[in-house]
Amino acid sequence: MFYNRAGLTALLGLALVALSACGGGPPPKLYLLVPPVFEGSASARADNLIKTLGISQVTLPGYAADERIATVSTSGVVSQLDDQRWAEEPEEAITRLLAKQLEQRGAQIVLREPWPRDYEPEARVEISFGRLLREEHGGASFAGQIQLLSADGRALLQQIPFEFAVLGESSGSREFFRAVARGIDEIALMVVEALLGAKTNS
């Protein structure tokens, strides 16, 4: 097959446009989930009244498990930002921070599954999110449930639903991650208070 010079020029132009479209634009901004910073007073601590806890990896709905940040508009439409992303898998990041905040809130040792064979937690914690979204005007909204299980995982000790929002001071993605960190701390506090309450009543 033969092409004249004008045809070849057109083909080369189309190829260059395609290549620039594939590699064009700046790389996405990546955000890490770090422990919350509390101004004025530190996060409350329960003096390690819970010796050992075991936790499973948290579960997120599909849109929130994606590394792209999921944002909900005031009209309820969820969109994902290609240029604003988690720096790691959201479920992994949230589980790691949850373990840290459980220790900050009063658990002495928190291990994730699978843990050593001789490790005997006082209880197991499983958390599933039905909602984790960046709010259009800043902050994050949360909904889901906490399940507190016996050490062997066979008995349900308590089920705690949660639904709340953490307001942000701006609409930026960095503010979303600050709000998520504070929300995870709030969930850790719910867990510790429920376990301490069960100890008191037993």
Protein backbone atom coordinates (compact mmCIF):
# COMPACT_ATOMS: atom_id res chain seq x y z
CA MET A 1 0.00 0.00 0.00
CA PHE A 2 1.33 3.42 -0.98
CA TYR A 3 0.76 6.78 0.74
CA ASN A 4 1.53 10.18 -0.65
CA ARG A 5 3.53 12.69 1.35
CA ALA A 6 0.42 14.46 2.73
CA GLY A 7 -1.02 11.17 3.91
CA LEU A 8 2.19 10.21 5.70
CA THR A 9 2.35 13.62 7.37
CA ALA A 10 -1.22 13.22 8.60
CA LEU A 11 -0.51 9.74 9.99
CA LEU A 12 2.60 10.97 11.79
CA GLY A 13 0.61 13.84 13.28
CA LEU A 14 -2.07 11.47 14.58
CA ALA A 15 0.59 9.23 16.12
CA LEU A 16 2.21 12.17 17.91
CA VAL A 17 -1.16 13.31 19.27
CA ALA A 18 -1.87 9.80 20.56
CA LEU A 19 1.52 9.57 22.25
CA SER A 20 1.16 12.97 23.90
CA ALA A 21 -2.30 12.04 25.15
CA CYS A 22 -0.96 8.85 26.77
CA GLY A 23 1.96 10.50 28.52
CA GLY A 24 0.67 14.03 28.95
CA GLY A 25 -0.23 15.85 32.12
CA PRO A 26 1.44 15.90 35.52
CA PRO A 27 1.51 12.73 37.65
CA PRO A 28 -1.24 12.39 40.29
CA LYS A 29 -0.66 13.77 43.77
CA LEU A 30 -0.29 10.97 46.33
CA TYR A 31 -1.35 11.33 49.98
CA LEU A 32 -0.32 9.34 53.04
CA LEU A 33 -2.66 8.65 55.94
CA VAL A 34 -0.84 9.75 59.11
CA PRO A 35 -1.91 9.81 62.79
CA PRO A 36 -4.12 12.74 63.76
CA VAL A 37 -2.67 15.78 65.48
CA PHE A 38 -4.73 17.17 68.34
CA GLU A 39 -4.23 20.82 69.18
CA GLY A 40 -4.34 21.92 72.80
CA SER A 41 -4.72 18.48 74.39
CA ALA A 42 -3.42 15.06 73.46
CA SER A 43 -5.58 12.10 72.54
CA ALA A 44 -7.07 10.60 75.70
CA ARG A 45 -5.49 7.39 76.94
CA ALA A 46 -7.06 4.68 79.07
CA ASP A 47 -3.83 3.55 80.82
CA ASN A 48 -3.60 0.28 78.89
CA LEU A 49 -6.59 -1.30 80.62
CA ILE A 50 -6.97 -3.61 77.62
CA LYS A 51 -3.95 -5.86 77.40
CA THR A 52 -4.33 -7.52 74.00
CA LEU A 53 -6.48 -7.02 70.91
CA GLY A 54 -6.59 -8.67 67.53
CA ILE A 55 -7.89 -6.89 64.45
CA SER A 56 -8.75 -7.92 60.91
CA GLN A 57 -8.13 -5.74 57.90
CA VAL A 58 -10.96 -3.26 57.53
CA THR A 59 -13.25 -3.59 54.53
CA LEU A 60 -14.36 -0.69 52.34
CA PRO A 61 -16.96 -0.39 49.60
CA GLY A 62 -15.49 -0.71 46.12
CA TYR A 63 -15.41 3.00 45.34
CA ALA A 64 -13.52 3.73 48.58
CA ALA A 65 -11.10 0.82 48.20
CA ASP A 66 -9.90 2.38 44.95
CA GLU A 67 -6.74 4.48 45.27
CA ARG A 68 -8.51 7.40 43.61
CA ILE A 69 -10.21 9.65 46.16
CA ALA A 70 -13.99 9.27 46.05
CA THR A 71 -15.91 12.53 46.47
CA VAL A 72 -19.65 12.97 46.95
CA SER A 73 -21.37 16.10 45.64
CA THR A 74 -24.19 17.92 47.40
CA SER A 75 -26.56 16.19 44.96
CA GLY A 76 -25.29 12.75 46.01
CA VAL A 77 -23.19 11.97 42.93
CA VAL A 78 -19.93 10.11 43.67
CA SER A 79 -16.90 10.84 41.48
CA GLN A 80 -13.28 9.70 41.65
CA LEU A 81 -10.33 12.05 41.20
CA ASP A 82 -7.67 10.71 38.83
CA ASP A 83 -5.15 13.37 39.88
CA GLN A 84 -5.64 12.99 43.68
CA ARG A 85 -4.91 9.53 45.09
CA TRP A 86 -4.03 7.52 48.17
CA ALA A 87 -0.31 6.71 48.26
CA GLU A 88 -1.15 3.11 49.21
CA GLU A 89 -4.16 0.81 49.30
CA PRO A 90 -6.82 2.53 51.46
CA GLU A 91 -7.77 -0.64 53.38
CA GLU A 92 -4.13 -1.25 54.30
CA ALA A 93 -3.56 2.36 55.37
CA ILE A 94 -6.72 2.53 57.49
CA THR A 95 -6.04 -0.80 59.20
CA ARG A 96 -2.52 0.27 60.14
CA LEU A 97 -3.73 3.58 61.56
CA LEU A 98 -6.59 1.87 63.41
CA ALA A 99 -4.10 -0.41 65.20
CA LYS A 100 -2.00 2.58 66.20
CA GLN A 101 -4.97 4.57 67.47
CA LEU A 102 -6.32 1.61 69.46
CA GLU A 103 -2.99 1.58 71.28
CA GLN A 104 -3.18 5.34 71.77
CA ARG A 105 -6.67 4.99 73.20
CA GLY A 106 -5.90 2.28 75.71
CA ALA A 107 -4.97 -1.13 74.28
CA GLN A 108 -1.51 -2.30 75.25
CA ILE A 109 -0.83 -4.64 72.31
CA VAL A 110 -2.76 -4.69 69.02
CA LEU A 111 -1.83 -7.25 66.37
CA ARG A 112 -3.31 -7.76 62.94
CA GLU A 113 -4.27 -11.14 61.57
CA PRO A 114 -2.56 -13.46 61.08
CA TRP A 115 -0.93 -13.23 64.52
CA PRO A 116 1.46 -15.67 66.28
CA ARG A 117 -0.05 -18.99 67.29
CA ASP A 118 0.44 -18.36 71.01
CA TYR A 119 -1.09 -14.86 70.91
CA GLU A 120 -4.34 -14.74 72.87
CA PRO A 121 -6.24 -11.47 72.40
CA GLU A 122 -8.92 -10.42 74.85
CA ALA A 123 -11.17 -9.76 71.88
CA ARG A 124 -11.16 -9.45 68.12
CA VAL A 125 -12.21 -6.34 66.24
CA GLU A 126 -13.70 -6.36 62.75
CA ILE A 127 -14.75 -3.12 61.06
CA SER A 128 -16.63 -2.82 57.80
CA PHE A 129 -17.34 0.53 56.18
CA GLY A 130 -20.51 1.10 54.22
CA ARG A 131 -19.44 4.65 53.47
CA LEU A 132 -16.17 6.57 53.34
CA LEU A 133 -16.34 9.66 51.17
CA ARG A 134 -14.69 13.03 50.75
CA GLU A 135 -17.28 15.74 51.18
CA GLU A 136 -17.40 18.30 48.37
CA HIS A 137 -16.89 21.21 50.78
CA GLY A 138 -14.20 19.48 52.86
CA GLY A 139 -13.85 16.75 55.43
CA ALA A 140 -15.05 13.15 55.31
CA SER A 141 -18.18 11.18 56.09
CA PHE A 142 -18.22 7.69 57.59
CA ALA A 143 -20.74 4.89 58.11
CA GLY A 144 -20.40 1.22 58.90
CA GLN A 145 -20.27 -1.18 61.79
CA ILE A 146 -17.86 -2.48 64.41
CA GLN A 147 -18.02 -6.12 65.44
CA LEU A 148 -16.39 -7.15 68.71
CA LEU A 149 -15.78 -10.89 68.76
CA SER A 150 -14.53 -13.35 71.34
CA ALA A 151 -10.86 -14.34 71.32
CA ASP A 152 -11.57 -17.42 69.18
CA GLY A 153 -13.79 -15.43 66.83
CA ARG A 154 -16.80 -17.70 67.40
CA ALA A 155 -19.00 -15.45 69.52
CA LEU A 156 -20.27 -11.95 68.72
CA LEU A 157 -19.82 -9.86 71.85
CA GLN A 158 -21.21 -6.60 70.51
CA GLN A 159 -22.12 -4.91 67.27
CA ILE A 160 -21.77 -1.13 67.08
CA PRO A 161 -23.08 0.84 64.11
CA PHE A 162 -21.53 4.21 63.38
CA GLU A 163 -22.38 7.14 61.15
CA PHE A 164 -20.76 10.55 61.47
CA ALA A 165 -18.84 13.21 59.62
CA VAL A 166 -15.61 15.05 60.37
CA LEU A 167 -15.69 18.58 58.99
CA GLY A 168 -12.69 19.95 57.15
CA GLU A 169 -11.28 23.45 57.28
CA SER A 170 -10.91 23.50 53.50
CA SER A 171 -12.00 21.49 50.48
CA GLY A 172 -8.48 20.26 49.66
CA SER A 173 -7.55 16.58 49.47
CA ARG A 174 -4.99 16.96 52.27
CA GLU A 175 -7.85 18.08 54.53
CA PHE A 176 -9.74 14.91 53.59
CA PHE A 177 -6.88 12.79 54.89
CA ARG A 178 -6.75 14.78 58.13
CA ALA A 179 -10.49 14.16 58.53
CA VAL A 180 -10.08 10.44 57.83
CA ALA A 181 -7.35 10.19 60.48
CA ARG A 182 -9.60 11.87 63.07
CA GLY A 183 -12.48 9.62 62.09
CA ILE A 184 -10.36 6.48 62.56
CA ASP A 185 -9.35 7.78 65.99
CA GLU A 186 -13.04 8.25 66.84
CA ILE A 187 -13.76 4.65 65.82
CA ALA A 188 -10.83 3.42 67.93
CA LEU A 189 -12.30 5.28 70.90
CA MET A 190 -15.69 3.62 70.31
CA VAL A 191 -14.00 0.21 70.40
CA VAL A 192 -12.08 0.88 73.59
CA GLU A 193 -15.07 2.38 75.41
CA ALA A 194 -17.24 -0.58 74.45
CA LEU A 195 -14.65 -3.09 75.67
CA LEU A 196 -14.08 -1.21 78.93
CA GLY A 197 -17.83 -0.98 79.43
CA ALA A 198 -18.15 -4.73 78.96
CA LYS A 199 -15.40 -5.29 81.53
CA THR A 200 -17.14 -3.06 84.04
CA ASN A 201 -20.46 -4.85 83.61
CA SER A 202 -19.03 -8.36 83.76
